[in-house]
Amino acid sequence: MRGPAGFDVKNRRARIYGTGDNPLCWAPLPTIGLAAANMLRNPGAILNRGIFICPVMHATQNILLSTLETVLDTKFTVEQVDIAKINKHSKIALDRGDFANAMKGFALSNQFYEEDCGNHFRHMAENELVGIETMSVEEAVRDAIKRYGEDCPIVESMFNVEPCEI
């Protein structure tokens, strides 16, 4: 709701990175909180290892956009963003030691760039282990709008990410 997913709900704008079809593994903040609380209640099951959760299955930017437009009964203005360029410039920035610009770009390309994505771990999700139920994209969108409102302001620096200067 704040912008890093590429959606400005308040102003009905969307930034679609690359094709918009890269599978996403996202969890609403309340779900992350519930998972953390459940892990603290039963730490033995997850002790000394990482755990993946993915309660919103089958999400992509294009599916999120379609769902937002359906739920809000409106169309969004869509801007296509060259995620390959963001990724390429981030690698150059990293090589130059410009860590701030590199990490900002990698935060997006890690999720949205099909060629260099670190987001394909749905098969590793252990939702049941930490008491997390799966939900549809529509359920997640409706919940986010109910929780944060349609007028939720975005964080511009997280919404308007462009390739860093090289």
Protein backbone atom coordinates (compact mmCIF):
# COMPACT_ATOMS: atom_id res chain seq x y z
CA MET A 1 0.00 0.00 0.00
CA ARG A 2 2.97 2.33 0.39
CA GLY A 3 4.47 1.95 -3.07
CA PRO A 4 7.16 -0.75 -3.32
CA ALA A 5 4.73 -3.11 -5.05
CA GLY A 6 4.34 -0.55 -7.84
CA PHE A 7 0.86 0.68 -6.92
CA ASP A 8 -0.32 4.12 -5.90
CA VAL A 9 -3.89 3.28 -4.93
CA LYS A 10 -4.83 6.82 -3.94
CA ASN A 11 -3.94 8.25 -7.37
CA ARG A 12 -4.80 5.09 -9.33
CA ARG A 13 -1.31 4.73 -10.79
CA ALA A 14 0.64 1.53 -11.37
CA ARG A 15 4.29 0.96 -12.25
CA ILE A 16 4.65 -2.46 -13.84
CA TYR A 17 8.22 -3.72 -13.71
CA GLY A 18 9.25 -5.78 -16.72
CA THR A 19 6.45 -8.01 -17.93
CA GLY A 20 4.49 -7.81 -14.69
CA ASP A 21 4.20 -11.60 -14.73
CA ASN A 22 6.99 -12.52 -12.32
CA PRO A 23 5.58 -14.70 -9.50
CA LEU A 24 5.59 -12.84 -6.19
CA CYS A 25 5.83 -14.23 -2.68
CA TRP A 26 4.32 -11.60 -0.45
CA ALA A 27 2.80 -11.58 2.98
CA PRO A 28 0.62 -8.84 4.47
CA LEU A 29 2.22 -7.22 7.53
CA PRO A 30 -0.40 -8.59 9.97
CA THR A 31 0.31 -12.08 8.64
CA ILE A 32 4.04 -11.61 9.20
CA GLY A 33 3.25 -10.50 12.76
CA LEU A 34 1.09 -13.57 13.35
CA ALA A 35 3.81 -15.85 11.99
CA ALA A 36 6.41 -14.20 14.26
CA ALA A 37 4.15 -14.54 17.31
CA ASN A 38 3.47 -18.19 16.51
CA MET A 39 7.20 -18.86 16.10
CA LEU A 40 7.83 -17.34 19.54
CA ARG A 41 5.10 -19.57 21.00
CA ASN A 42 6.64 -22.69 19.45
CA PRO A 43 10.30 -21.98 18.68
CA GLY A 44 11.39 -25.61 18.57
CA ALA A 45 9.87 -26.14 15.13
CA ILE A 46 11.92 -23.37 13.54
CA LEU A 47 14.94 -23.10 15.81
CA ASN A 48 18.22 -22.19 14.09
CA ARG A 49 16.90 -22.11 10.55
CA GLY A 50 15.20 -19.82 8.14
CA ILE A 51 11.56 -20.19 7.29
CA PHE A 52 9.59 -19.02 4.28
CA ILE A 53 5.95 -18.04 4.29
CA CYS A 54 3.84 -17.19 1.28
CA PRO A 55 0.20 -16.72 2.24
CA VAL A 56 -0.81 -14.90 -0.96
CA MET A 57 -0.37 -17.51 -3.65
CA HIS A 58 -0.46 -16.90 -7.40
CA ALA A 59 0.34 -13.19 -7.20
CA THR A 60 2.01 -11.18 -9.94
CA GLN A 61 1.93 -7.45 -10.56
CA ASN A 62 -0.52 -7.95 -13.42
CA ILE A 63 -2.83 -10.04 -11.23
CA LEU A 64 -2.60 -7.46 -8.46
CA LEU A 65 -3.41 -4.68 -10.93
CA SER A 66 -6.39 -6.55 -12.34
CA THR A 67 -7.64 -7.31 -8.83
CA LEU A 68 -7.25 -3.70 -7.68
CA GLU A 69 -9.14 -2.46 -10.72
CA THR A 70 -11.93 -4.98 -10.10
CA VAL A 71 -12.22 -4.35 -6.35
CA LEU A 72 -12.12 -0.56 -6.76
CA ASP A 73 -14.19 -0.61 -9.98
CA THR A 74 -11.76 1.73 -11.73
CA LYS A 75 -8.82 1.72 -14.13
CA PHE A 76 -5.26 2.60 -13.18
CA THR A 77 -2.84 4.61 -15.28
CA VAL A 78 -0.07 2.13 -16.05
CA GLU A 79 3.60 2.94 -16.59
CA GLN A 80 5.92 0.20 -17.87
CA VAL A 81 9.31 0.26 -16.13
CA ASP A 82 12.50 -1.27 -17.56
CA ILE A 83 13.48 -3.57 -14.70
CA ALA A 84 16.40 -4.99 -16.70
CA LYS A 85 17.93 -1.51 -16.80
CA ILE A 86 17.39 -1.05 -13.05
CA ASN A 87 19.10 -4.40 -12.45
CA LYS A 88 22.01 -3.62 -14.79
CA HIS A 89 22.63 -0.18 -13.31
CA SER A 90 22.41 -1.60 -9.78
CA LYS A 91 25.17 -4.09 -10.57
CA ILE A 92 27.36 -1.30 -11.95
CA ALA A 93 26.63 0.84 -8.89
CA LEU A 94 27.57 -2.07 -6.62
CA ASP A 95 30.84 -2.59 -8.50
CA ARG A 96 31.60 1.10 -7.98
CA GLY A 97 30.87 0.91 -4.26
CA ASP A 98 27.65 2.95 -4.49
CA PHE A 99 25.80 0.64 -2.13
CA ALA A 100 22.76 2.85 -1.47
CA ASN A 101 21.77 3.09 -5.14
CA ALA A 102 22.65 -0.53 -5.77
CA MET A 103 20.48 -1.83 -2.92
CA LYS A 104 17.51 0.32 -3.88
CA GLY A 105 17.55 -1.12 -7.38
CA PHE A 106 18.19 -4.67 -6.20
CA ALA A 107 15.23 -4.45 -3.82
CA LEU A 108 13.02 -4.15 -6.90
CA SER A 109 14.85 -6.38 -9.34
CA ASN A 110 15.02 -9.14 -6.72
CA GLN A 111 11.22 -9.24 -6.81
CA PHE A 112 10.31 -8.31 -10.36
CA TYR A 113 13.15 -9.13 -12.77
CA GLU A 114 12.52 -12.53 -14.28
CA GLU A 115 16.16 -13.01 -15.34
CA ASP A 116 17.70 -12.38 -11.90
CA CYS A 117 14.98 -12.92 -9.34
CA GLY A 118 15.38 -14.14 -5.80
CA ASN A 119 11.66 -14.51 -5.28
CA HIS A 120 10.97 -18.07 -6.43
CA PHE A 121 10.47 -19.91 -3.18
CA ARG A 122 6.75 -20.68 -3.07
CA HIS A 123 7.64 -24.37 -3.04
CA MET A 124 9.58 -23.81 0.19
CA ALA A 125 6.76 -22.06 2.08
CA GLU A 126 5.94 -23.57 5.46
CA ASN A 127 2.77 -21.64 6.17
CA GLU A 128 1.14 -24.41 8.19
CA LEU A 129 4.16 -24.76 10.47
CA VAL A 130 3.68 -21.22 11.78
CA GLY A 131 -0.11 -21.16 11.63
CA ILE A 132 -0.50 -19.13 8.44
CA GLU A 133 -3.42 -19.74 6.13
CA THR A 134 -3.25 -19.01 2.44
CA MET A 135 -5.47 -16.33 0.98
CA SER A 136 -6.47 -15.28 -2.49
CA VAL A 137 -5.09 -12.15 -4.09
CA GLU A 138 -8.57 -10.64 -3.89
CA GLU A 139 -8.79 -11.35 -0.14
CA ALA A 140 -5.38 -9.74 0.40
CA VAL A 141 -6.29 -6.67 -1.69
CA ARG A 142 -9.63 -6.21 0.07
CA ASP A 143 -7.96 -6.58 3.46
CA ALA A 144 -5.23 -4.06 2.61
CA ILE A 145 -7.75 -1.50 1.39
CA LYS A 146 -9.90 -2.03 4.48
CA ARG A 147 -6.88 -1.75 6.79
CA TYR A 148 -5.08 1.20 5.15
CA GLY A 149 -7.81 2.87 3.09
CA GLU A 150 -7.92 3.92 -0.53
CA ASP A 151 -6.29 7.24 0.38
CA CYS A 152 -3.18 5.63 1.86
CA PRO A 153 -0.25 7.82 0.80
CA ILE A 154 2.70 6.19 -0.88
CA VAL A 155 6.36 6.70 -0.04
CA GLU A 156 7.52 8.36 -3.25
CA SER A 157 11.10 7.11 -2.90
CA MET A 158 9.78 3.54 -2.84
CA PHE A 159 7.30 4.08 -5.66
CA ASN A 160 9.39 6.08 -8.13
CA VAL A 161 12.48 3.89 -8.36
CA GLU A 162 14.40 4.51 -11.56
CA PRO A 163 17.73 3.10 -12.76
CA CYS A 164 20.48 4.83 -10.79
CA GLU A 165 22.88 7.07 -12.65
CA ILE A 166 26.02 5.29 -13.83
